[in-house]
Every structure is written in structure tokens, then in C-alpha cells.
Amino acid sequence: MMGHQSKQPRLWSYNVNLDRRVRADHPLRQIERLVDMGFVYREVKGRYGTRGNVSVDPVVILKMMLLLFLYDVRSERELMRTIPERLDWMWFLGYGMDDEVPDHSVLSKARRRWGTGLFERLFERVLRLCIGAGLIDGEKLLVDASLVRADASKNSIRELPAATVRKMREAMGRLDEGEPADEAPAGGTNATHVSTTDPDATLAKHAGGKAVPSYKNHRGIDGKAGVITAVSTTTGAINEAHELPNLLGQHRERIGQLPKAVVADSKYGTVENYTECQKLGMRTHMADLAATQQNHPRREGIFPVEAFGYDRCRDVFICPAGEELRRRKFCVGRGHYEYIARAAACAACPLRPECTRSKIGRTLKRHPEQDLLDRARRQAASPAARLDRKRRQHLQERNFADAANNHGFKRARWRGLWRQRIQDLLIATLQNLRILLRNTSATVTQSLARLLERVSTALGHFGRILASFRPVCVCDPI
């Protein structure tokens, strides 16, 4: 018999059970099972008063922010409109069919009330779950950065005196009760140009485009499963090489030890990073920035530094023509000694066209800790380092691409440096959660497969035992 569905709405429904409407393997159910959100009450307890209106449950607000980025909802208003339509979201938030969804403004008020501390604690708790699941080995830290376009138009940029720009950013930080943005390099465009919409954002050029107001997200991920262990948020004009000590410090604090090797591209391969990593006992698998600069067209046809021998006892360099380059001075700003040959000898040298195009002659540089620097560069040029950088390009680029495609990473939702840090922390937390869920599911599947294999083996063994017994018939002679 063919059935027909009745379209008449029911007046009452006594058997609505959201728990039965959400499948057992739903990602939200797994997140609810893995992450204990009870710490939120302790974390924000001092942020609320004892009188006045009762707030929305802080755990519910945090879960709403997770839904905002997990499903890449366009806006908080749209999130609130969608919640009543999604039974799985209502189950995750603990709402019933008749519960009223709060106004979207509760999210912005909560962010201002909580600051960044709660989101850092959430990130660290999920990271500890990843450590407990064996997803981090601490061997290698893969480092990279990516620009995030601020929620501000280029038309909002105004050129103002440097002192005015600095005061605007400081005032913005005090107004939002957050930390002021890192200052742009002295003399740069950002010292005199500011966005009136988002003063914390600074101009930075995205790939293949024009300079627009931006922030920069710096990440360190563990080399085993791609789990994010360190997150830093700066303005777009900050040099990413300067953030390496911060990322290493976060990694050591959260993992309990420094990585054995740091893997990064040439932007991080500076003298300061090389020497500091060597002092800390880490292998430097970062591409050498100086090597990329030596390949500049202006240095084509010029003797490389390796063509000059160094006499350690006499502290002089010997040029290919046999002339000595002696120490002239110490450059405080650059942190190296400068060596130069006699002007007369250099001017009369037949190899001068192949040695330098400078009027004063060829100059060489030597760092006070040159031995550490040479060891770091040998490690950076090793086959193991090149292989690590190739793998890093795959893991790190995939990590940023996943954040952009699934969690709205490339565009800031809110304005202000501290709000952008909240966004970066939430996205990194969700990415780590997805890695944890993926590997946890794989572990459960492998465990079930091993269990089924043992059961199958036992049944086969039991079957062979039964087959060894000959059935006895009552008619058989005794």
C-alpha cells in the first residue's frame, strides 16, 4: 500500500529528544565527549559581578564561537538565525526546542569581558589532549607565517604625522582594554599611514596584489601529525623572522622541551636565529637568507665569500690575489666585524673586476660567533635539512590552506589586534581538534580491526578443534 505524508502541523509533540536526533559519530558529539568545558566557569568567574541580570551561560557562548568558525558562518547574526534550524547545533549548545536563542551582541560583549586568556587556555587544553593521544613527538618544529586581511578598506588609510599615528594606536589599545599593536619599523610607510577603521592593522602587500591593511599569523606546528603548538598574532608589517623566539618559547612552555630541529624557509634563516638556535642546542634546518642574497644579479660574476681564506691566528682574510683584508671596525647595528684590504693594493689588483664594483674595494664581514654560524649554515645545507624543508612546505602550506578553506582564516572577522588573536586561537584550536578526532577515529578503527582479527583467529582455532573430534554413532560396534 502506498503511503501519503500528512502536511498538517502537529499541535503538540511530547517525544522530541534531540539526543536521539544526533548520530553517534557526529563531530560535535565527539568534541563534547573529548573536551571538558567546565574550566570556563573557573576561568571567567572574576569577570562577572554578583548583582544585576543573569548572563548567558559562558560555556554556551564559547560553543557558539566554536560553531562560528567550525562551520565558517559568515556573521554572528547569521549564526543566531541558523541555530534554531540545526538540531545538531541545538544539541551541542544544550538547548531545547522551546529555548530562546540570545541576541548576537552577547558574543561581542563576552569577548570584551573575557579578553584573550580564556581562548589561550582552551587552545592549551586541546593541545594537551593531542599530546596524550601521541600526536606530538617534539622532534621538529615547522615554522611559517601568513597574512590575514583586516576588516578595513584601503580607502580608510590616512597619512598623518608619525606621533599622531602612534598615539592613535596606543589609544585604541587602551579603549579596547587590549595590548597596543606592535609598532612598524621606523621610517616605514606604516609609521605615517594608519587605517581610521582599524588603527592596529598595518599595510602589507599580499601575493600578487597591492598593500592593504593586514595582520600576520605566525605558527609553529609539530612535524609528526601537523598539530599546531605555537600561535602568534602581529600586524602585517612585522618581520616573521623576529617571531621565531616567541614561537620557540611557546612550544617549550606547552610541550615541556625545545624541538631538536627548527624547519623554516629563508625568511627565518638570519644570523640572529642561526646563532640563537645553536646556543640552545637545536639543529637549524632553515634555508640561509644570506645564500639567497648572494644570488642577486648585482653579485653575478663576483667572487663569493668562500673564495677568501681566513687565517684564524692572525685574524685576516686572504683574497684570491693573495692580499690581506684586515679588521677595520665593528658595526654595532649589524653585529659583525668588517674587513677590508689596502685601498692602493685593491685599486691596482688585476682581479678587481671579478672581486668588487665598490669604489673603496672589497669588504668582508665576520660575526663574533662565526663558528656557531658556520655550523648552522652547514646544517641548513645538508640533505636532511632540504628534505625537511620540502616536507614542511607540504605540511605547513596544507595547514594554512585548511584554515582558509574551512574556517575563514584569510579575512579578519573583528577589528583590533587582540580580537584577531582570539580568531587565530579559535581557528588553531579547531584544526587541532579535527586532527585529534581524525586520528582518534583511526585508532578506534585499528583497535576494532585487531579485535576482529583475534576473534576470527580464535573461531578458526575452535573450529579446527571441533573438526578433530569424530562423531560417534549408536550403531557403531563397540
Protein backbone atom coordinates (compact mmCIF):
# COMPACT_ATOMS: atom_id res chain seq x y z
CA MET A 1 0.00 0.00 0.00
CA MET A 2 1.36 3.43 -0.95
CA GLY A 3 1.56 5.94 1.88
CA HIS A 4 0.87 9.70 1.89
CA GLN A 5 2.51 12.13 4.29
CA SER A 6 0.21 14.42 6.23
CA LYS A 7 1.28 18.08 5.94
CA GLN A 8 -0.93 19.27 8.78
CA PRO A 9 1.31 20.56 11.62
CA ARG A 10 1.03 18.86 14.98
CA LEU A 11 -0.23 20.94 17.86
CA TRP A 12 1.88 19.11 20.46
CA SER A 13 4.90 16.83 20.41
CA TYR A 14 5.70 15.00 23.61
CA ASN A 15 8.59 12.82 22.35
CA VAL A 16 11.13 15.31 20.99
CA ASN A 17 14.56 14.01 22.06
CA LEU A 18 17.45 15.88 20.44
CA ASP A 19 19.94 13.35 21.75
CA ARG A 20 18.31 10.70 19.54
CA ARG A 21 18.39 13.06 16.54
CA VAL A 22 22.21 13.44 16.55
CA ARG A 23 24.10 10.47 15.16
CA ALA A 24 26.64 8.70 17.34
CA ASP A 25 29.65 9.64 15.21
CA HIS A 26 28.72 13.31 14.75
CA PRO A 27 31.80 15.60 15.10
CA LEU A 28 30.01 17.79 17.67
CA ARG A 29 29.24 14.74 19.77
CA GLN A 30 32.91 13.76 19.66
CA ILE A 31 34.01 17.28 20.62
CA GLU A 32 31.56 17.23 23.53
CA ARG A 33 33.00 13.91 24.66
CA LEU A 34 36.67 14.90 24.35
CA VAL A 35 36.75 18.49 25.63
CA ASP A 36 35.56 19.27 29.15
CA MET A 37 34.26 22.83 29.01
CA GLY A 38 33.79 23.08 32.77
CA PHE A 39 37.05 25.03 33.12
CA VAL A 40 35.32 28.04 31.52
CA TYR A 41 33.41 28.84 34.73
CA ARG A 42 36.62 28.98 36.77
CA GLU A 43 38.41 31.00 34.11
CA VAL A 44 35.83 33.80 33.79
CA LYS A 45 34.43 33.80 37.32
CA GLY A 46 36.22 37.03 38.24
CA ARG A 47 34.86 38.77 35.13
CA TYR A 48 31.25 38.80 36.34
CA GLY A 49 29.59 40.68 39.17
CA THR A 50 27.29 39.37 41.87
CA ARG A 51 24.27 41.56 41.06
CA GLY A 52 22.28 42.51 38.01
CA ASN A 53 20.90 40.47 35.16
CA VAL A 54 21.90 36.85 34.79
CA SER A 55 24.18 36.36 31.78
CA VAL A 56 24.03 33.69 29.12
CA ASP A 57 25.97 30.61 30.20
CA PRO A 58 29.68 31.24 29.36
CA VAL A 59 30.07 27.66 28.11
CA VAL A 60 27.20 28.22 25.66
CA ILE A 61 28.81 31.45 24.41
CA LEU A 62 32.15 29.72 23.87
CA LYS A 63 30.46 26.89 21.99
CA MET A 64 28.72 29.44 19.77
CA MET A 65 32.10 30.96 18.88
CA LEU A 66 33.40 27.49 18.06
CA LEU A 67 30.41 26.89 15.77
CA LEU A 68 31.06 30.25 14.10
CA PHE A 69 34.50 29.11 12.88
CA LEU A 70 33.92 25.35 12.66
CA TYR A 71 31.21 25.86 10.04
CA ASP A 72 32.63 29.15 8.71
CA VAL A 73 29.37 31.05 9.24
CA ARG A 74 29.50 34.46 7.55
CA SER A 75 28.42 36.55 10.54
CA GLU A 76 27.26 36.29 14.13
CA ARG A 77 23.78 37.43 13.14
CA GLU A 78 23.55 34.58 10.65
CA LEU A 79 24.80 32.18 13.33
CA MET A 80 21.93 33.13 15.64
CA ARG A 81 19.41 32.81 12.82
CA THR A 82 20.72 29.36 11.89
CA ILE A 83 20.88 27.82 15.38
CA PRO A 84 17.08 27.12 15.62
CA GLU A 85 17.24 25.39 12.23
CA ARG A 86 20.06 23.00 13.18
CA LEU A 87 19.14 20.25 15.62
CA ASP A 88 22.77 19.20 15.99
CA TRP A 89 23.79 22.75 16.95
CA MET A 90 20.95 22.97 19.47
CA TRP A 91 22.01 19.66 21.00
CA PHE A 92 25.64 20.87 21.20
CA LEU A 93 24.55 24.09 22.93
CA GLY A 94 22.22 22.25 25.30
CA TYR A 95 19.08 24.00 24.02
CA GLY A 96 15.61 22.53 23.88
CA MET A 97 13.03 23.05 21.17
CA ASP A 98 11.36 25.87 23.11
CA ASP A 99 14.51 27.67 24.31
CA GLU A 100 15.11 31.19 23.02
CA VAL A 101 18.38 31.95 21.20
CA PRO A 102 20.09 35.09 22.58
CA ASP A 103 20.96 38.19 20.59
CA HIS A 104 24.21 38.21 18.62
CA SER A 105 25.56 41.03 20.80
CA VAL A 106 26.24 38.60 23.66
CA LEU A 107 29.26 37.32 21.70
CA SER A 108 30.96 40.69 21.30
CA LYS A 109 30.21 41.59 24.93
CA ALA A 110 31.73 38.29 26.10
CA ARG A 111 34.91 38.81 24.07
CA ARG A 112 35.40 42.25 25.57
CA ARG A 113 34.71 40.90 29.06
CA TRP A 114 36.94 37.81 28.78
CA GLY A 115 39.92 39.05 26.78
CA THR A 116 42.31 36.52 25.20
CA GLY A 117 43.13 34.46 28.31
CA LEU A 118 40.20 32.04 28.06
CA PHE A 119 40.94 31.21 24.43
CA GLU A 120 44.59 30.57 25.21
CA ARG A 121 43.56 28.13 27.96
CA LEU A 122 41.19 26.36 25.53
CA PHE A 123 43.97 26.05 22.96
CA GLU A 124 46.33 24.62 25.58
CA ARG A 125 43.76 22.08 26.83
CA VAL A 126 43.17 20.74 23.33
CA LEU A 127 46.94 20.64 22.80
CA ARG A 128 47.33 18.51 25.93
CA LEU A 129 44.75 16.10 24.52
CA CYS A 130 46.84 15.83 21.36
CA ILE A 131 49.93 15.13 23.47
CA GLY A 132 48.04 12.43 25.37
CA ALA A 133 46.98 10.83 22.10
CA GLY A 134 50.62 10.56 20.98
CA LEU A 135 50.27 13.04 18.10
CA ILE A 136 53.33 15.10 19.11
CA ASP A 137 56.90 13.84 19.31
CA GLY A 138 58.71 17.19 19.74
CA GLU A 139 61.42 16.28 17.23
CA LYS A 140 60.89 19.06 14.69
CA LEU A 141 59.09 22.40 14.76
CA LEU A 142 57.89 23.66 11.38
CA VAL A 143 57.52 27.45 11.31
CA ASP A 144 55.77 29.78 8.87
CA ALA A 145 53.56 32.89 8.71
CA SER A 146 50.63 34.07 6.60
CA LEU A 147 48.96 37.42 6.07
CA VAL A 148 45.34 37.96 7.13
CA ARG A 149 43.42 40.81 5.55
CA ALA A 150 41.98 43.18 8.14
CA ASP A 151 38.32 44.15 8.23
CA ALA A 152 39.19 47.57 6.81
CA SER A 153 39.23 49.08 3.34
CA LYS A 154 42.31 50.58 1.74
CA ASN A 155 40.24 53.75 1.36
CA SER A 156 40.33 54.12 5.14
CA ILE A 157 44.11 54.76 5.09
CA ARG A 158 45.14 58.30 6.02
CA GLU A 159 48.59 59.88 6.01
CA LEU A 160 49.29 61.56 9.36
CA PRO A 161 52.34 62.61 11.40
CA ALA A 162 54.18 59.67 12.95
CA ALA A 163 53.50 60.90 16.50
CA THR A 164 49.75 61.10 15.78
CA VAL A 165 49.71 57.60 14.34
CA ARG A 166 51.48 56.22 17.39
CA LYS A 167 49.04 57.93 19.77
CA MET A 168 46.05 56.63 17.79
CA ARG A 169 47.25 53.03 18.14
CA GLU A 170 48.01 53.43 21.82
CA ALA A 171 44.60 54.99 22.44
CA MET A 172 42.90 52.20 20.53
CA GLY A 173 44.62 49.63 22.72
CA ARG A 174 43.55 51.38 25.93
CA LEU A 175 40.00 51.80 24.68
CA ASP A 176 39.66 48.10 23.92
CA GLU A 177 41.49 47.09 27.09
CA GLY A 178 43.96 45.17 24.95
CA GLU A 179 47.63 45.48 24.15
CA PRO A 180 48.62 48.08 21.53
CA ALA A 181 49.80 46.78 18.21
CA ASP A 182 53.49 46.28 17.56
CA GLU A 183 55.00 49.38 16.02
CA ALA A 184 56.01 49.35 12.39
CA PRO A 185 59.71 49.81 11.61
CA ALA A 186 60.91 53.41 11.98
CA GLY A 187 60.77 55.29 8.71
CA GLY A 188 58.42 52.79 7.09
CA THR A 189 55.15 53.62 5.39
CA ASN A 190 53.16 52.38 8.36
CA ALA A 191 54.82 54.91 10.65
CA THR A 192 52.88 57.69 8.89
CA HIS A 193 49.88 55.83 7.44
CA VAL A 194 47.01 54.45 9.51
CA SER A 195 43.57 53.00 8.91
CA THR A 196 40.86 55.04 10.58
CA THR A 197 38.69 51.90 10.66
CA ASP A 198 41.24 49.62 12.32
CA PRO A 199 44.33 51.50 13.56
CA ASP A 200 46.02 48.28 14.73
CA ALA A 201 46.22 46.90 11.19
CA THR A 202 49.23 47.88 9.07
CA LEU A 203 49.79 47.96 5.34
CA ALA A 204 51.27 44.77 3.87
CA LYS A 205 51.45 43.50 0.32
CA HIS A 206 49.69 40.22 -0.35
CA ALA A 207 50.92 37.87 -3.07
CA GLY A 208 50.31 39.39 -6.47
CA GLY A 209 48.36 42.34 -5.10
CA LYS A 210 48.60 45.79 -3.57
CA ALA A 211 49.35 46.70 0.02
CA VAL A 212 46.20 46.56 2.15
CA PRO A 213 45.53 46.75 5.93
CA SER A 214 46.59 43.38 7.30
CA TYR A 215 47.56 41.24 10.26
CA LYS A 216 50.03 38.37 10.26
CA ASN A 217 49.54 34.94 11.80
CA HIS A 218 52.69 33.07 12.86
CA ARG A 219 52.51 29.34 13.54
CA GLY A 220 54.71 26.54 14.75
CA ILE A 221 53.49 23.00 14.06
CA ASP A 222 54.93 19.69 15.21
CA GLY A 223 56.37 17.56 12.45
CA LYS A 224 54.66 14.29 13.39
CA ALA A 225 50.97 14.93 12.67
CA GLY A 226 50.84 18.66 11.93
CA VAL A 227 49.47 19.70 15.34
CA ILE A 228 49.79 23.45 15.98
CA THR A 229 51.85 24.05 19.13
CA ALA A 230 52.52 27.81 18.95
CA VAL A 231 50.45 30.75 17.66
CA SER A 232 51.44 34.41 17.47
CA THR A 233 49.48 37.35 16.04
CA THR A 234 51.13 40.58 14.90
CA THR A 235 50.45 43.40 12.50
CA GLY A 236 51.15 42.76 8.85
CA ALA A 237 54.38 44.77 8.76
CA ILE A 238 56.25 42.71 11.38
CA ASN A 239 59.18 40.64 10.07
CA GLU A 240 58.35 36.97 10.67
CA ALA A 241 61.97 36.14 11.49
CA HIS A 242 61.62 38.24 14.67
CA GLU A 243 58.80 35.99 15.94
CA LEU A 244 60.83 32.78 15.97
CA PRO A 245 61.99 33.20 19.63
CA ASN A 246 58.37 33.76 20.68
CA LEU A 247 57.18 30.61 18.89
CA LEU A 248 60.02 28.57 20.38
CA GLY A 249 59.17 29.88 23.84
CA GLN A 250 55.51 28.90 23.46
CA HIS A 251 56.48 25.46 22.19
CA ARG A 252 58.83 24.83 25.11
CA GLU A 253 56.27 26.03 27.66
CA ARG A 254 53.46 23.85 26.31
CA ILE A 255 55.39 20.74 25.26
CA GLY A 256 57.96 20.83 28.04
CA GLN A 257 61.03 20.86 25.82
CA LEU A 258 62.55 22.58 22.83
CA PRO A 259 62.43 20.81 19.46
CA LYS A 260 65.55 19.07 18.23
CA ALA A 261 65.34 20.87 14.87
CA VAL A 262 63.70 24.04 13.54
CA VAL A 263 62.49 23.86 9.93
CA ALA A 264 61.67 27.06 8.02
CA ASP A 265 62.26 28.91 4.76
CA SER A 266 64.94 31.52 4.09
CA LYS A 267 62.98 34.35 5.74
CA TYR A 268 63.88 32.80 9.09
CA GLY A 269 67.50 32.00 8.17
CA THR A 270 69.01 35.12 9.72
CA VAL A 271 72.29 35.36 11.62
CA GLU A 272 70.44 36.01 14.90
CA ASN A 273 68.17 32.99 14.53
CA TYR A 274 71.03 30.74 13.46
CA THR A 275 73.28 31.59 16.39
CA GLU A 276 70.47 31.53 18.97
CA CYS A 277 69.27 28.09 17.84
CA GLN A 278 72.81 26.75 18.01
CA LYS A 279 73.23 28.07 21.56
CA LEU A 280 70.02 26.28 22.55
CA GLY A 281 71.22 23.01 21.02
CA MET A 282 68.75 22.87 18.12
CA ARG A 283 69.57 21.88 14.55
CA THR A 284 68.97 24.73 12.11
CA HIS A 285 67.14 23.31 9.10
CA MET A 286 66.22 26.82 7.95
CA ALA A 287 67.25 27.98 4.48
CA ASP A 288 70.07 30.51 4.55
CA LEU A 289 68.90 34.08 3.89
CA ALA A 290 72.45 35.19 3.03
CA ALA A 291 72.70 32.49 0.35
CA THR A 292 69.60 33.80 -1.40
CA GLN A 293 71.02 37.34 -1.29
CA GLN A 294 74.29 36.17 -2.84
CA ASN A 295 72.35 35.05 -5.90
CA HIS A 296 71.27 38.64 -6.56
CA PRO A 297 72.02 39.84 -10.14
CA ARG A 298 74.26 42.61 -8.80
CA ARG A 299 76.65 39.97 -7.44
CA GLU A 300 76.82 37.97 -10.64
CA GLY A 301 80.42 37.41 -11.71
CA ILE A 302 81.81 38.45 -8.30
CA PHE A 303 83.99 36.18 -6.13
CA PRO A 304 81.89 34.54 -3.39
CA VAL A 305 82.88 34.75 0.26
CA GLU A 306 84.13 31.15 0.10
CA ALA A 307 86.91 32.25 -2.27
CA PHE A 308 88.57 34.15 0.59
CA GLY A 309 90.56 32.15 3.11
CA TYR A 310 90.57 33.08 6.79
CA ASP A 311 93.67 32.96 8.96
CA ARG A 312 92.38 32.45 12.48
CA CYS A 313 95.72 33.07 14.18
CA ARG A 314 96.29 36.42 12.51
CA ASP A 315 92.58 37.33 12.19
CA VAL A 316 92.87 38.28 8.50
CA PHE A 317 91.23 37.19 5.25
CA ILE A 318 93.34 36.29 2.21
CA CYS A 319 91.87 37.28 -1.14
CA PRO A 320 92.33 35.21 -4.36
CA ALA A 321 95.15 37.60 -5.36
CA GLY A 322 96.99 36.95 -2.06
CA GLU A 323 96.26 40.32 -0.48
CA GLU A 324 95.24 40.54 3.20
CA LEU A 325 91.95 42.01 4.36
CA ARG A 326 92.33 43.29 7.92
CA ARG A 327 89.71 44.10 10.51
CA ARG A 328 88.62 47.72 10.24
CA LYS A 329 85.69 48.21 12.64
CA PHE A 330 82.75 46.60 14.44
CA CYS A 331 79.33 47.53 13.05
CA VAL A 332 77.18 47.81 16.16
CA GLY A 333 73.86 47.98 14.32
CA ARG A 334 74.57 44.88 12.22
CA GLY A 335 76.56 42.97 14.84
CA HIS A 336 79.60 41.99 12.77
CA TYR A 337 83.24 42.93 12.15
CA GLU A 338 84.21 44.46 8.83
CA TYR A 339 87.43 43.55 6.98
CA ILE A 340 88.95 45.50 4.09
CA ALA A 341 92.16 45.42 2.00
CA ARG A 342 94.52 48.32 1.47
CA ALA A 343 92.98 50.78 -0.99
CA ALA A 344 96.14 51.01 -3.10
CA ALA A 345 96.54 47.24 -3.37
CA CYS A 346 92.89 46.77 -4.25
CA ALA A 347 92.97 49.53 -6.89
CA ALA A 348 95.99 48.00 -8.66
CA CYS A 349 94.75 44.38 -8.45
CA PRO A 350 94.18 42.72 -11.86
CA LEU A 351 91.32 40.66 -10.34
CA ARG A 352 89.39 43.73 -9.18
CA PRO A 353 86.64 43.46 -11.88
CA GLU A 354 85.91 39.93 -10.65
CA CYS A 355 86.12 40.87 -6.98
CA THR A 356 84.14 44.07 -6.41
CA ARG A 357 82.40 47.00 -8.02
CA SER A 358 82.76 49.21 -4.95
CA LYS A 359 84.96 52.32 -5.13
CA ILE A 360 86.59 51.64 -1.76
CA GLY A 361 87.33 48.00 -2.56
CA ARG A 362 86.07 44.62 -1.41
CA THR A 363 84.82 44.33 2.19
CA LEU A 364 84.03 41.15 4.12
CA LYS A 365 82.01 40.53 7.26
CA ARG A 366 82.64 38.16 10.15
CA HIS A 367 80.33 37.55 13.09
CA PRO A 368 81.73 37.37 16.65
CA GLU A 369 80.23 33.86 16.90
CA GLN A 370 81.19 32.82 13.40
CA ASP A 371 81.86 29.20 14.41
CA LEU A 372 78.24 28.75 15.51
CA LEU A 373 77.07 30.49 12.36
CA ASP A 374 79.19 28.25 10.11
CA ARG A 375 77.86 25.12 11.85
CA ALA A 376 74.28 26.36 11.45
CA ARG A 377 74.80 27.00 7.74
CA ARG A 378 76.30 23.54 7.23
CA GLN A 379 73.23 22.04 8.86
CA ALA A 380 70.95 24.20 6.72
CA ALA A 381 72.64 22.99 3.53
CA SER A 382 72.56 19.29 4.48
CA PRO A 383 70.41 16.77 2.56
CA ALA A 384 68.35 16.12 5.73
CA ALA A 385 67.54 19.84 6.00
CA ARG A 386 66.48 20.07 2.36
CA LEU A 387 64.23 17.04 2.82
CA ASP A 388 62.70 18.58 5.96
CA ARG A 389 62.02 21.86 4.15
CA LYS A 390 60.27 20.02 1.35
CA ARG A 391 58.07 18.18 3.87
CA ARG A 392 57.48 21.43 5.76
CA GLN A 393 56.23 23.07 2.60
CA HIS A 394 53.67 20.29 2.25
CA LEU A 395 52.53 20.25 5.90
CA GLN A 396 52.59 23.97 6.63
CA GLU A 397 51.01 25.09 3.37
CA ARG A 398 48.31 22.45 3.80
CA ASN A 399 47.73 23.69 7.34
CA PHE A 400 47.18 27.29 6.20
CA ALA A 401 45.08 26.16 3.21
CA ASP A 402 42.83 24.12 5.50
CA ALA A 403 42.37 27.14 7.77
CA ALA A 404 41.50 29.36 4.80
CA ASN A 405 39.14 26.92 3.06
CA ASN A 406 37.26 25.63 6.11
CA HIS A 407 37.49 28.29 8.82
CA GLY A 408 37.64 31.73 7.17
CA PHE A 409 41.29 32.30 8.07
CA LYS A 410 42.24 34.83 5.39
CA ARG A 411 39.89 37.61 6.48
CA ALA A 412 39.60 39.16 9.94
CA ARG A 413 36.09 39.00 11.39
CA TRP A 414 36.72 41.66 14.02
CA ARG A 415 38.88 44.76 14.44
CA GLY A 416 41.81 45.18 16.77
CA LEU A 417 44.96 43.13 17.34
CA TRP A 418 43.68 41.35 20.44
CA ARG A 419 40.45 40.35 18.72
CA GLN A 420 42.46 39.00 15.80
CA ARG A 421 44.44 36.91 18.28
CA ILE A 422 41.15 35.40 19.51
CA GLN A 423 40.27 34.47 15.93
CA ASP A 424 43.69 32.88 15.35
CA LEU A 425 43.48 30.89 18.58
CA LEU A 426 39.96 29.61 17.85
CA ILE A 427 40.91 28.50 14.33
CA ALA A 428 44.09 26.80 15.55
CA THR A 429 42.11 25.05 18.32
CA LEU A 430 39.55 23.72 15.85
CA GLN A 431 42.25 22.50 13.47
CA ASN A 432 43.96 20.62 16.30
CA LEU A 433 40.59 19.17 17.34
CA ARG A 434 39.96 17.90 13.82
CA ILE A 435 43.41 16.29 13.73
CA LEU A 436 42.68 14.70 17.12
CA LEU A 437 39.27 13.40 16.00
CA ARG A 438 40.69 12.06 12.74
CA ASN A 439 43.48 10.16 14.48
CA THR A 440 41.23 9.04 17.34
CA SER A 441 38.79 7.55 14.83
CA ALA A 442 41.66 5.85 13.03
CA THR A 443 42.92 4.43 16.32
CA VAL A 444 39.48 3.09 17.21
CA THR A 445 39.16 1.53 13.74
CA GLN A 446 42.56 -0.14 14.07
CA SER A 447 41.65 -1.43 17.54
CA LEU A 448 38.40 -2.88 16.24
CA ALA A 449 40.23 -4.46 13.31
CA ARG A 450 42.75 -6.07 15.69
CA LEU A 451 39.90 -7.28 17.93
CA LEU A 452 38.04 -8.79 14.96
CA GLU A 453 41.24 -10.44 13.81
CA ARG A 454 41.73 -12.03 17.24
CA VAL A 455 38.10 -13.19 17.30
CA SER A 456 38.44 -14.65 13.82
CA THR A 457 41.63 -16.46 14.80
CA ALA A 458 40.01 -17.83 17.94
CA LEU A 459 36.95 -19.02 15.99
CA GLY A 460 39.16 -20.70 13.40
CA HIS A 461 41.14 -22.43 16.12
CA PHE A 462 37.93 -23.54 17.83
CA GLY A 463 36.63 -24.86 14.51
CA ARG A 464 39.76 -26.96 13.98
CA ILE A 465 39.36 -28.42 17.48
CA LEU A 466 35.74 -29.41 16.74
CA ALA A 467 36.74 -30.93 13.42
CA SER A 468 39.30 -33.16 15.16
CA PHE A 469 36.56 -34.98 17.07
CA ARG A 470 34.98 -37.95 15.18
CA PRO A 471 31.21 -38.19 15.71
CA VAL A 472 30.10 -41.42 17.42
CA CYS A 473 27.08 -43.33 16.07
CA VAL A 474 24.97 -45.59 18.29
CA CYS A 475 25.06 -48.30 15.64
CA ASP A 476 28.85 -48.47 15.53
CA PRO A 477 30.26 -51.71 17.00
CA ILE A 478 31.88 -51.40 20.37
